[in-house]
C-alpha cells in the first residue's frame, strides 16, 4: 500500500530504480540480528511478490556496498546534532524503545537519517517514493546534498536535491492503532496466510460508534480499516464507509478481511512461486544487484573524494 506500489509503477514506466534491502537497519534498534540471511530473503520475496522485476530494478543489500556507507562520514559533517535530535522519526523511535524497555538509542539509529541520505545520493537519486512520515528524513537528504554542493561543488552542483513521490495512502496503522511496523509486532506480513489475515483484522482497534464514517482525524482506527479495505477492493474509503453505514465495525472488519484476502491472493501467489525457485535464485538476484550498486557507488565515492581534495 505504500512505497512499493509507486516503485512498481515507476518500474513499468522504464525509470531506473535502486531498491535497498536495508540489512543494517535491523541492528539500529536491537542487540541481536537473529537469522539475518533468512530475514533478507523474506524481504526480497516481498519485493518480488509486490511486482519488483530484478531484471529492471537494481535490488541490493546495504551492507554489501562499502562505498555507499563510506559516504556517511562526509555527510555527517554536514548536519548538526540538534538537527538529528529534532527529526520526528528519531524522536518516535526513542519513545518506542523506552516503551518496549529496550536500551537507549544507538548511534546508528540516531544517525539513520544521514544513512538514508547516502542510500539516496550514492546513485544520484532524484525521486524517492515515501510516506508522509519519511518526509523529514528526505529533508535531511536535501540538506546534505545542498550543503555538499555549496561547500565542494558550488560552480557545478554534484548531487541532486531529490523530490518526494508521496504515496496516496496515509500512514497505515497496525491493529493496535499505532503506526504499522514489523518491529512493533503490529504488522500484517505479505506472507501471512488467510487465517492470519483474518485474525489481524479481527484484532484491529475500532471505536464505540456504530455508524461507519470516514473521518481520519476524529476516527483514525475506523479510517485506517476503510483505507485498507478500499485499497484492495478498488474503491475509495468514503464509498466503502457509505456502503457499510450502520452495519457497524463488525461488518467493516468482514469487508476489509475479504478485500485483503482477495487483493493479496495474486501477490502471495507470486511470492510462493519465487520462494519455490530456491535460495540460489534469490542469491543470484542480490549478487547481480550488489555488483551494479557497487559499480555506481564506487564511481560516486571517487567523485566525492576528488571534489573534497582527498585523492592521494
C-alpha atoms as a PDB file:
ATOM      1  CA  UNK A   1       0.000   0.000   0.000  1.00  0.00           C
ATOM      2  CA  UNK A   2       2.985   2.261   0.468  1.00  0.00           C
ATOM      3  CA  UNK A   3       6.114   2.908  -1.496  1.00  0.00           C
ATOM      4  CA  UNK A   4       6.295  -0.468  -3.262  1.00  0.00           C
ATOM      5  CA  UNK A   5       3.214   0.366  -5.342  1.00  0.00           C
ATOM      6  CA  UNK A   6       4.899   3.519  -6.591  1.00  0.00           C
ATOM      7  CA  UNK A   7       8.160   1.705  -7.268  1.00  0.00           C
ATOM      8  CA  UNK A   8       6.365  -0.905  -9.353  1.00  0.00           C
ATOM      9  CA  UNK A   9       4.582   1.863 -11.255  1.00  0.00           C
ATOM     10  CA  UNK A  10       7.861   3.698 -11.927  1.00  0.00           C
ATOM     11  CA  UNK A  11       9.482   0.435 -12.978  1.00  0.00           C
ATOM     12  CA  UNK A  12       6.714  -0.101 -15.538  1.00  0.00           C
ATOM     13  CA  UNK A  13       7.475   3.350 -16.956  1.00  0.00           C
ATOM     14  CA  UNK A  14      11.125   2.466 -17.511  1.00  0.00           C
ATOM     15  CA  UNK A  15      12.564   4.527 -14.650  1.00  0.00           C
ATOM     16  CA  UNK A  16      15.928   3.328 -13.333  1.00  0.00           C
ATOM     17  CA  UNK A  17      15.318   2.213  -9.757  1.00  0.00           C
ATOM     18  CA  UNK A  18      17.662   1.262  -6.923  1.00  0.00           C
ATOM     19  CA  UNK A  19      15.938  -0.659  -4.143  1.00  0.00           C
ATOM     20  CA  UNK A  20      17.827  -1.378  -0.938  1.00  0.00           C
ATOM     21  CA  UNK A  21      17.358  -4.342   1.355  1.00  0.00           C
ATOM     22  CA  UNK A  22      18.325  -2.424   4.477  1.00  0.00           C
ATOM     23  CA  UNK A  23      20.035  -5.155   6.475  1.00  0.00           C
ATOM     24  CA  UNK A  24      21.955  -2.615   8.562  1.00  0.00           C
ATOM     25  CA  UNK A  25      18.608  -1.240   9.701  1.00  0.00           C
ATOM     26  CA  UNK A  26      17.974  -4.474  11.597  1.00  0.00           C
ATOM     27  CA  UNK A  27      20.683  -3.599  14.117  1.00  0.00           C
ATOM     28  CA  UNK A  28      19.699   0.038  14.609  1.00  0.00           C
ATOM     29  CA  UNK A  29      17.336  -0.721  17.477  1.00  0.00           C
ATOM     30  CA  UNK A  30      18.119  -4.206  18.758  1.00  0.00           C
ATOM     31  CA  UNK A  31      21.003  -6.145  20.234  1.00  0.00           C
ATOM     32  CA  UNK A  32      20.606  -9.355  18.229  1.00  0.00           C
ATOM     33  CA  UNK A  33      20.000  -9.629  14.494  1.00  0.00           C
ATOM     34  CA  UNK A  34      18.665 -13.203  14.758  1.00  0.00           C
ATOM     35  CA  UNK A  35      18.793 -15.064  11.423  1.00  0.00           C
ATOM     36  CA  UNK A  36      19.674 -12.130   9.203  1.00  0.00           C
ATOM     37  CA  UNK A  37      20.159 -14.095   5.940  1.00  0.00           C
ATOM     38  CA  UNK A  38      16.671 -15.533   6.304  1.00  0.00           C
ATOM     39  CA  UNK A  39      15.260 -12.080   7.036  1.00  0.00           C
ATOM     40  CA  UNK A  40      16.915 -10.648   3.923  1.00  0.00           C
ATOM     41  CA  UNK A  41      15.451 -13.450   1.821  1.00  0.00           C
ATOM     42  CA  UNK A  42      11.979 -12.774   3.217  1.00  0.00           C
ATOM     43  CA  UNK A  43      12.238  -9.071   2.380  1.00  0.00           C
ATOM     44  CA  UNK A  44      13.410  -9.883  -1.141  1.00  0.00           C
ATOM     45  CA  UNK A  45      10.490 -12.260  -1.596  1.00  0.00           C
ATOM     46  CA  UNK A  46       8.136  -9.472  -0.509  1.00  0.00           C
ATOM     47  CA  UNK A  47       9.649  -7.169  -3.142  1.00  0.00           C
ATOM     48  CA  UNK A  48       9.230  -9.813  -5.843  1.00  0.00           C
ATOM     49  CA  UNK A  49       5.678 -10.521  -4.698  1.00  0.00           C
ATOM     50  CA  UNK A  50       4.789  -6.836  -4.991  1.00  0.00           C
ATOM     51  CA  UNK A  51       5.920  -6.860  -8.617  1.00  0.00           C
ATOM     52  CA  UNK A  52       9.542  -5.757  -8.485  1.00  0.00           C
ATOM     53  CA  UNK A  53      11.379  -7.167 -11.516  1.00  0.00           C
ATOM     54  CA  UNK A  54      15.065  -7.825 -10.699  1.00  0.00           C
ATOM     55  CA  UNK A  55      15.884  -7.585 -14.400  1.00  0.00           C
ATOM     56  CA  UNK A  56      14.629  -3.996 -14.455  1.00  0.00           C
ATOM     57  CA  UNK A  57      15.348  -2.815 -10.892  1.00  0.00           C
ATOM     58  CA  UNK A  58      18.652  -2.928  -9.005  1.00  0.00           C
ATOM     59  CA  UNK A  59      17.965  -4.709  -5.706  1.00  0.00           C
ATOM     60  CA  UNK A  60      20.942  -4.705  -3.340  1.00  0.00           C
ATOM     61  CA  UNK A  61      21.836  -5.220   0.305  1.00  0.00           C
ATOM     62  CA  UNK A  62      23.011  -2.258   2.316  1.00  0.00           C
ATOM     63  CA  UNK A  63      25.997  -3.979   3.891  1.00  0.00           C
ATOM     64  CA  UNK A  64      27.329  -5.226   0.535  1.00  0.00           C
ATOM     65  CA  UNK A  65      28.147  -1.746  -0.813  1.00  0.00           C
ATOM     66  CA  UNK A  66      31.117  -0.353   1.165  1.00  0.00           C
ATOM     67  CA  UNK A  67      31.483   2.827  -0.898  1.00  0.00           C
ATOM     68  CA  UNK A  68      27.866   3.772  -0.176  1.00  0.00           C
ATOM     69  CA  UNK A  69      28.484   3.533   3.542  1.00  0.00           C
ATOM     70  CA  UNK A  70      31.742   5.487   3.327  1.00  0.00           C
ATOM     71  CA  UNK A  71      29.714   8.457   2.132  1.00  0.00           C
ATOM     72  CA  UNK A  72      28.292   8.612   5.640  1.00  0.00           C
ATOM     73  CA  UNK A  73      31.466  10.236   7.030  1.00  0.00           C
ATOM     74  CA  UNK A  74      31.493  13.404   4.906  1.00  0.00           C
ATOM     75  CA  UNK A  75      27.707  13.566   5.068  1.00  0.00           C
ATOM     76  CA  UNK A  76      27.732  13.515   8.883  1.00  0.00           C
ATOM     77  CA  UNK A  77      29.981  16.593   8.819  1.00  0.00           C
ATOM     78  CA  UNK A  78      27.192  18.487   7.069  1.00  0.00           C
ATOM     79  CA  UNK A  79      24.467  18.078   9.718  1.00  0.00           C
ATOM     80  CA  UNK A  80      24.262  19.084  13.349  1.00  0.00           C
ATOM     81  CA  UNK A  81      23.333  17.026  16.388  1.00  0.00           C
ATOM     82  CA  UNK A  82      20.429  19.399  17.008  1.00  0.00           C
ATOM     83  CA  UNK A  83      19.026  18.717  13.544  1.00  0.00           C
ATOM     84  CA  UNK A  84      19.107  14.989  14.157  1.00  0.00           C
ATOM     85  CA  UNK A  85      17.514  15.385  17.586  1.00  0.00           C
ATOM     86  CA  UNK A  86      14.626  17.313  16.028  1.00  0.00           C
ATOM     87  CA  UNK A  87      13.903  14.593  13.489  1.00  0.00           C
ATOM     88  CA  UNK A  88      10.403  13.313  14.379  1.00  0.00           C
ATOM     89  CA  UNK A  89      11.149   9.733  13.402  1.00  0.00           C
ATOM     90  CA  UNK A  90      14.228   9.671  15.619  1.00  0.00           C
ATOM     91  CA  UNK A  91      12.139  11.057  18.481  1.00  0.00           C
ATOM     92  CA  UNK A  92       9.408   8.495  17.852  1.00  0.00           C
ATOM     93  CA  UNK A  93      11.918   5.639  17.827  1.00  0.00           C
ATOM     94  CA  UNK A  94      13.347   6.864  21.134  1.00  0.00           C
ATOM     95  CA  UNK A  95       9.904   6.874  22.716  1.00  0.00           C
ATOM     96  CA  UNK A  96       9.077   3.454  21.255  1.00  0.00           C
ATOM     97  CA  UNK A  97      12.312   1.962  22.582  1.00  0.00           C
ATOM     98  CA  UNK A  98      11.534   3.297  26.053  1.00  0.00           C
ATOM     99  CA  UNK A  99       8.024   1.830  25.954  1.00  0.00           C
ATOM    100  CA  UNK A 100       9.401  -1.550  24.963  1.00  0.00           C
ATOM    101  CA  UNK A 101      12.006  -1.423  27.702  1.00  0.00           C
ATOM    102  CA  UNK A 102      14.963  -1.519  25.340  1.00  0.00           C
ATOM    103  CA  UNK A 103      18.332   0.094  25.763  1.00  0.00           C
ATOM    104  CA  UNK A 104      18.888   3.730  24.884  1.00  0.00           C
ATOM    105  CA  UNK A 105      19.016   4.773  21.252  1.00  0.00           C
ATOM    106  CA  UNK A 106      22.095   3.534  19.404  1.00  0.00           C
ATOM    107  CA  UNK A 107      24.331   5.896  17.491  1.00  0.00           C
ATOM    108  CA  UNK A 108      23.323   4.008  14.355  1.00  0.00           C
ATOM    109  CA  UNK A 109      19.650   4.803  14.889  1.00  0.00           C
ATOM    110  CA  UNK A 110      20.417   8.409  15.812  1.00  0.00           C
ATOM    111  CA  UNK A 111      22.302   8.964  12.552  1.00  0.00           C
ATOM    112  CA  UNK A 112      19.911   6.914  10.435  1.00  0.00           C
ATOM    113  CA  UNK A 113      18.543   9.946   8.531  1.00  0.00           C
ATOM    114  CA  UNK A 114      22.084  10.549   7.260  1.00  0.00           C
ATOM    115  CA  UNK A 115      22.440   6.889   6.313  1.00  0.00           C
ATOM    116  CA  UNK A 116      19.302   7.326   4.247  1.00  0.00           C
ATOM    117  CA  UNK A 117      20.885  10.347   2.579  1.00  0.00           C
ATOM    118  CA  UNK A 118      23.743   8.090   1.492  1.00  0.00           C
ATOM    119  CA  UNK A 119      21.280   5.441   0.304  1.00  0.00           C
ATOM    120  CA  UNK A 120      19.619   8.028  -1.939  1.00  0.00           C
ATOM    121  CA  UNK A 121      22.540  10.126  -3.108  1.00  0.00           C
ATOM    122  CA  UNK A 122      25.043   7.374  -3.896  1.00  0.00           C
ATOM    123  CA  UNK A 123      23.107   6.714  -7.115  1.00  0.00           C
ATOM    124  CA  UNK A 124      22.146  10.389  -7.596  1.00  0.00           C
ATOM    125  CA  UNK A 125      18.550   9.545  -6.800  1.00  0.00           C
ATOM    126  CA  UNK A 126      16.242  12.409  -7.685  1.00  0.00           C
ATOM    127  CA  UNK A 127      12.838  10.924  -6.844  1.00  0.00           C
ATOM    128  CA  UNK A 128      12.073   8.963  -3.686  1.00  0.00           C
ATOM    129  CA  UNK A 129       8.731   7.183  -3.139  1.00  0.00           C
ATOM    130  CA  UNK A 130       7.924   7.823   0.536  1.00  0.00           C
ATOM    131  CA  UNK A 131       5.100   8.074   3.016  1.00  0.00           C
ATOM    132  CA  UNK A 132       4.359  11.252   4.957  1.00  0.00           C
ATOM    133  CA  UNK A 133       6.388  10.002   7.926  1.00  0.00           C
ATOM    134  CA  UNK A 134       9.554   9.874   5.814  1.00  0.00           C
ATOM    135  CA  UNK A 135       9.427  13.499   4.628  1.00  0.00           C
ATOM    136  CA  UNK A 136      11.650  14.753   7.489  1.00  0.00           C
ATOM    137  CA  UNK A 137      14.268  12.154   6.503  1.00  0.00           C
ATOM    138  CA  UNK A 138      14.132  13.335   2.913  1.00  0.00           C
ATOM    139  CA  UNK A 139      14.620  16.918   4.086  1.00  0.00           C
ATOM    140  CA  UNK A 140      17.874  15.771   5.715  1.00  0.00           C
ATOM    141  CA  UNK A 141      18.922  14.284   2.369  1.00  0.00           C
ATOM    142  CA  UNK A 142      18.088  17.506   0.564  1.00  0.00           C
ATOM    143  CA  UNK A 143      20.069  19.497   3.127  1.00  0.00           C
ATOM    144  CA  UNK A 144      23.071  17.172   2.799  1.00  0.00           C
ATOM    145  CA  UNK A 145      23.022  17.465  -1.000  1.00  0.00           C
ATOM    146  CA  UNK A 146      22.671  21.246  -0.889  1.00  0.00           C
ATOM    147  CA  UNK A 147      25.411  21.745   1.699  1.00  0.00           C
ATOM    148  CA  UNK A 148      27.816  19.388  -0.068  1.00  0.00           C
ATOM    149  CA  UNK A 149      27.284  21.247  -3.317  1.00  0.00           C
ATOM    150  CA  UNK A 150      27.748  24.646  -1.650  1.00  0.00           C
ATOM    151  CA  UNK A 151      30.929  23.544   0.100  1.00  0.00           C
ATOM    152  CA  UNK A 152      32.622  21.415  -2.530  1.00  0.00           C
ATOM    153  CA  UNK A 153      30.897  21.912  -5.888  1.00  0.00           C
ATOM    154  CA  UNK A 154      29.480  25.425  -5.955  1.00  0.00           C
ATOM    155  CA  UNK A 155      30.199  26.021  -9.636  1.00  0.00           C
ATOM    156  CA  UNK A 156      28.806  22.703 -10.832  1.00  0.00           C
ATOM    157  CA  UNK A 157      26.471  21.094  -8.258  1.00  0.00           C
ATOM    158  CA  UNK A 158      27.195  17.389  -7.977  1.00  0.00           C
ATOM    159  CA  UNK A 159      24.260  15.934  -6.040  1.00  0.00           C
ATOM    160  CA  UNK A 160      20.586  16.493  -6.897  1.00  0.00           C
ATOM    161  CA  UNK A 161      18.165  17.607  -4.202  1.00  0.00           C
ATOM    162  CA  UNK A 162      15.687  14.737  -4.511  1.00  0.00           C
ATOM    163  CA  UNK A 163      11.943  15.193  -4.605  1.00  0.00           C
ATOM    164  CA  UNK A 164       9.399  13.073  -2.768  1.00  0.00           C
ATOM    165  CA  UNK A 165       6.838  10.950  -4.539  1.00  0.00           C
ATOM    166  CA  UNK A 166       4.141  10.783  -1.878  1.00  0.00           C
ATOM    167  CA  UNK A 167       2.029   7.669  -1.680  1.00  0.00           C
ATOM    168  CA  UNK A 168      -1.731   8.292  -1.845  1.00  0.00           C
ATOM    169  CA  UNK A 169      -2.282   6.238   1.298  1.00  0.00           C
ATOM    170  CA  UNK A 170      -1.704   7.990   4.634  1.00  0.00           C
ATOM    171  CA  UNK A 171       0.324   6.262   7.325  1.00  0.00           C
ATOM    172  CA  UNK A 172      -1.055   2.758   7.718  1.00  0.00           C
ATOM    173  CA  UNK A 173      -1.837   1.782  11.304  1.00  0.00           C
ATOM    174  CA  UNK A 174      -1.242  -1.611  12.826  1.00  0.00           C
ATOM    175  CA  UNK A 175      -4.024  -3.471  14.587  1.00  0.00           C
ATOM    176  CA  UNK A 176      -3.070  -1.743  17.855  1.00  0.00           C
ATOM    177  CA  UNK A 177      -3.840   1.697  16.449  1.00  0.00           C
ATOM    178  CA  UNK A 178      -0.171   2.704  16.233  1.00  0.00           C
ATOM    179  CA  UNK A 179       1.920   3.124  13.071  1.00  0.00           C
ATOM    180  CA  UNK A 180       2.320  -0.262  11.409  1.00  0.00           C
ATOM    181  CA  UNK A 181       5.824  -1.601  11.961  1.00  0.00           C
ATOM    182  CA  UNK A 182       7.310  -5.083  11.918  1.00  0.00           C
ATOM    183  CA  UNK A 183       9.467  -4.214  14.912  1.00  0.00           C
ATOM    184  CA  UNK A 184       6.349  -3.212  16.871  1.00  0.00           C
ATOM    185  CA  UNK A 185       4.702  -6.563  16.162  1.00  0.00           C
ATOM    186  CA  UNK A 186       1.539  -4.944  14.807  1.00  0.00           C
ATOM    187  CA  UNK A 187       2.040  -5.517  11.074  1.00  0.00           C
ATOM    188  CA  UNK A 188       0.361  -7.765   8.545  1.00  0.00           C
ATOM    189  CA  UNK A 189       3.064  -9.595   6.599  1.00  0.00           C
ATOM    190  CA  UNK A 190       2.644 -10.196   2.881  1.00  0.00           C
ATOM    191  CA  UNK A 191       3.438 -13.846   3.503  1.00  0.00           C
ATOM    192  CA  UNK A 192       0.627 -14.240   6.069  1.00  0.00           C
ATOM    193  CA  UNK A 193      -1.922 -16.946   5.289  1.00  0.00           C
ATOM    194  CA  UNK A 194      -5.646 -16.200   5.048  1.00  0.00           C
ATOM    195  CA  UNK A 195      -6.380 -17.191   8.651  1.00  0.00           C
ATOM    196  CA  UNK A 196      -3.599 -14.881   9.882  1.00  0.00           C
ATOM    197  CA  UNK A 197      -5.009 -12.081   7.751  1.00  0.00           C
ATOM    198  CA  UNK A 198      -8.458 -12.554   9.264  1.00  0.00           C
ATOM    199  CA  UNK A 199      -7.003 -12.652  12.786  1.00  0.00           C
ATOM    200  CA  UNK A 200      -5.074  -9.431  12.119  1.00  0.00           C
ATOM    201  CA  UNK A 201      -8.242  -7.597  11.109  1.00  0.00           C
ATOM    202  CA  UNK A 202     -10.275  -9.056  13.992  1.00  0.00           C
ATOM    203  CA  UNK A 203      -7.777  -7.585  16.467  1.00  0.00           C
ATOM    204  CA  UNK A 204      -7.842  -4.161  14.828  1.00  0.00           C
ATOM    205  CA  UNK A 205      -8.931  -1.305  17.072  1.00  0.00           C
ATOM    206  CA  UNK A 206     -12.203   0.440  16.301  1.00  0.00           C
ATOM    207  CA  UNK A 207     -14.401   2.767  18.363  1.00  0.00           C
ATOM    208  CA  UNK A 208     -17.797   2.720  20.056  1.00  0.00           C
ATOM    209  CA  UNK A 209     -19.806   4.493  17.337  1.00  0.00           C
ATOM    210  CA  UNK A 210     -21.936   2.086  15.331  1.00  0.00           C
ATOM    211  CA  UNK A 211     -22.398   4.105  12.138  1.00  0.00           C
ATOM    212  CA  UNK A 212     -19.273   3.904   9.977  1.00  0.00           C
ATOM    213  CA  UNK A 213     -17.928   7.203   8.649  1.00  0.00           C
ATOM    214  CA  UNK A 214     -14.633   8.144   7.034  1.00  0.00           C
ATOM    215  CA  UNK A 215     -13.165  10.785   9.356  1.00  0.00           C
ATOM    216  CA  UNK A 216      -9.370  10.256   9.573  1.00  0.00           C
ATOM    217  CA  UNK A 217      -8.785  12.955  12.174  1.00  0.00           C
ATOM    218  CA  UNK A 218     -11.651  12.055  14.509  1.00  0.00           C
ATOM    219  CA  UNK A 219     -11.822   8.289  13.927  1.00  0.00           C
ATOM    220  CA  UNK A 220      -8.313   7.177  12.889  1.00  0.00           C
ATOM    221  CA  UNK A 221      -8.776   3.456  13.566  1.00  0.00           C
ATOM    222  CA  UNK A 222     -12.011   3.255  11.555  1.00  0.00           C
ATOM    223  CA  UNK A 223     -10.445   5.363   8.789  1.00  0.00           C
ATOM    224  CA  UNK A 224      -7.479   3.003   8.711  1.00  0.00           C
ATOM    225  CA  UNK A 225      -9.676  -0.067   8.163  1.00  0.00           C
ATOM    226  CA  UNK A 226     -11.617   1.806   5.496  1.00  0.00           C
ATOM    227  CA  UNK A 227      -8.376   2.803   3.770  1.00  0.00           C
ATOM    228  CA  UNK A 228      -7.004  -0.736   3.789  1.00  0.00           C
ATOM    229  CA  UNK A 229     -10.270  -2.284   2.650  1.00  0.00           C
ATOM    230  CA  UNK A 230     -10.816   0.297  -0.068  1.00  0.00           C
ATOM    231  CA  UNK A 231      -7.284  -0.061  -1.409  1.00  0.00           C
ATOM    232  CA  UNK A 232      -7.654  -3.771  -2.014  1.00  0.00           C
ATOM    233  CA  UNK A 233     -11.309  -3.577  -3.093  1.00  0.00           C
ATOM    234  CA  UNK A 234     -10.527  -0.953  -5.733  1.00  0.00           C
ATOM    235  CA  UNK A 235     -12.807   1.703  -4.284  1.00  0.00           C
ATOM    236  CA  UNK A 236     -12.480   4.773  -2.038  1.00  0.00           C
ATOM    237  CA  UNK A 237     -12.617   4.901   1.762  1.00  0.00           C
ATOM    238  CA  UNK A 238     -15.634   7.222   1.598  1.00  0.00           C
ATOM    239  CA  UNK A 239     -17.521   4.894  -0.736  1.00  0.00           C
ATOM    240  CA  UNK A 240     -16.737   1.918   1.474  1.00  0.00           C
ATOM    241  CA  UNK A 241     -17.933   3.826   4.551  1.00  0.00           C
ATOM    242  CA  UNK A 242     -21.198   4.653   2.784  1.00  0.00           C
ATOM    243  CA  UNK A 243     -21.601   1.002   1.830  1.00  0.00           C
ATOM    244  CA  UNK A 244     -21.072  -0.299   5.378  1.00  0.00           C
ATOM    245  CA  UNK A 245     -23.039   2.527   7.023  1.00  0.00           C
ATOM    246  CA  UNK A 246     -24.967   1.454  10.101  1.00  0.00           C
ATOM    247  CA  UNK A 247     -23.854  -2.192   9.827  1.00  0.00           C
ATOM    248  CA  UNK A 248     -21.065  -1.295  12.221  1.00  0.00           C
ATOM    249  CA  UNK A 249     -17.458  -2.210  12.862  1.00  0.00           C
ATOM    250  CA  UNK A 250     -18.117  -5.943  12.673  1.00  0.00           C
ATOM    251  CA  UNK A 251     -19.306  -5.638   9.090  1.00  0.00           C
ATOM    252  CA  UNK A 252     -16.420  -3.296   8.278  1.00  0.00           C
ATOM    253  CA  UNK A 253     -13.930  -5.871   9.521  1.00  0.00           C
ATOM    254  CA  UNK A 254     -15.611  -8.565   7.458  1.00  0.00           C
ATOM    255  CA  UNK A 255     -15.459  -6.423   4.312  1.00  0.00           C
ATOM    256  CA  UNK A 256     -11.837  -5.426   4.970  1.00  0.00           C
ATOM    257  CA  UNK A 257     -10.838  -9.050   5.506  1.00  0.00           C
ATOM    258  CA  UNK A 258     -12.467 -10.172   2.265  1.00  0.00           C
ATOM    259  CA  UNK A 259     -10.786  -7.344   0.339  1.00  0.00           C
ATOM    260  CA  UNK A 260      -7.385  -8.120   1.834  1.00  0.00           C
ATOM    261  CA  UNK A 261      -7.601 -11.847   1.160  1.00  0.00           C
ATOM    262  CA  UNK A 262      -8.683 -11.381  -2.456  1.00  0.00           C
ATOM    263  CA  UNK A 263      -6.416  -8.417  -3.162  1.00  0.00           C
ATOM    264  CA  UNK A 264      -3.345 -10.157  -1.790  1.00  0.00           C
ATOM    265  CA  UNK A 265      -4.085 -13.508  -3.442  1.00  0.00           C
ATOM    266  CA  UNK A 266      -2.054 -12.803  -6.629  1.00  0.00           C
ATOM    267  CA  UNK A 267       0.688 -11.121  -4.594  1.00  0.00           C
ATOM    268  CA  UNK A 268       1.033 -14.136  -2.341  1.00  0.00           C
ATOM    269  CA  UNK A 269       0.950 -16.446  -5.362  1.00  0.00           C
ATOM    270  CA  UNK A 270       3.920 -14.589  -6.884  1.00  0.00           C
ATOM    271  CA  UNK A 271       5.708 -14.836  -3.559  1.00  0.00           C
ATOM    272  CA  UNK A 272       5.182 -18.578  -3.344  1.00  0.00           C
ATOM    273  CA  UNK A 273       6.383 -19.019  -6.919  1.00  0.00           C
ATOM    274  CA  UNK A 274       9.589 -17.056  -6.216  1.00  0.00           C
ATOM    275  CA  UNK A 275      10.201 -18.948  -2.969  1.00  0.00           C
ATOM    276  CA  UNK A 276       9.812 -22.267  -4.789  1.00  0.00           C
ATOM    277  CA  UNK A 277      12.753 -21.354  -7.030  1.00  0.00           C
ATOM    278  CA  UNK A 278      15.009 -21.723  -4.015  1.00  0.00           C
ATOM    279  CA  UNK A 279      17.651 -19.696  -2.156  1.00  0.00           C
ATOM    280  CA  UNK A 280      20.097 -19.874  -5.073  1.00  0.00           C
ATOM    281  CA  UNK A 281      17.662 -17.879  -7.207  1.00  0.00           C
ATOM    282  CA  UNK A 282      17.382 -15.186  -4.544  1.00  0.00           C
ATOM    283  CA  UNK A 283      21.147 -15.129  -4.003  1.00  0.00           C
ATOM    284  CA  UNK A 284      21.654 -14.591  -7.716  1.00  0.00           C
ATOM    285  CA  UNK A 285      19.331 -11.590  -7.717  1.00  0.00           C
ATOM    286  CA  UNK A 286      21.259  -9.990  -4.851  1.00  0.00           C
ATOM    287  CA  UNK A 287      24.640 -10.813  -6.391  1.00  0.00           C
ATOM    288  CA  UNK A 288      23.715  -9.024  -9.616  1.00  0.00           C
ATOM    289  CA  UNK A 289      22.161  -6.105  -7.764  1.00  0.00           C
ATOM    290  CA  UNK A 290      25.113  -5.768  -5.409  1.00  0.00           C
ATOM    291  CA  UNK A 291      27.543  -5.721  -8.337  1.00  0.00           C
ATOM    292  CA  UNK A 292      25.599  -2.945 -10.051  1.00  0.00           C
ATOM    293  CA  UNK A 293      25.216  -0.913  -6.846  1.00  0.00           C
ATOM    294  CA  UNK A 294      28.938  -1.242  -6.095  1.00  0.00           C
ATOM    295  CA  UNK A 295      29.832  -0.029  -9.570  1.00  0.00           C
ATOM    296  CA  UNK A 296      27.704   3.091  -9.105  1.00  0.00           C
ATOM    297  CA  UNK A 297      28.785   3.720  -5.500  1.00  0.00           C
ATOM    298  CA  UNK A 298      32.492   3.340  -6.281  1.00  0.00           C
ATOM    299  CA  UNK A 299      32.199   5.937  -9.013  1.00  0.00           C
ATOM    300  CA  UNK A 300      30.301   8.336  -6.734  1.00  0.00           C
ATOM    301  CA  UNK A 301      32.763   7.946  -3.860  1.00  0.00           C
ATOM    302  CA  UNK A 302      35.680   8.573  -6.207  1.00  0.00           C
ATOM    303  CA  UNK A 303      33.985  11.736  -7.460  1.00  0.00           C
ATOM    304  CA  UNK A 304      33.307  12.871  -3.885  1.00  0.00           C
ATOM    305  CA  UNK A 305      36.933  12.316  -2.898  1.00  0.00           C
ATOM    306  CA  UNK A 306      38.022  14.329  -5.900  1.00  0.00           C
ATOM    307  CA  UNK A 307      35.707  17.208  -5.086  1.00  0.00           C
ATOM    308  CA  UNK A 308      36.895  17.186  -1.458  1.00  0.00           C
ATOM    309  CA  UNK A 309      40.566  17.110  -2.466  1.00  0.00           C
ATOM    310  CA  UNK A 310      41.051  13.669  -0.963  1.00  0.00           C
ATOM    311  CA  UNK A 311      42.550  11.735  -3.856  1.00  0.00           C
ATOM    312  CA  UNK A 312      46.070  10.839  -2.841  1.00  0.00           C
END
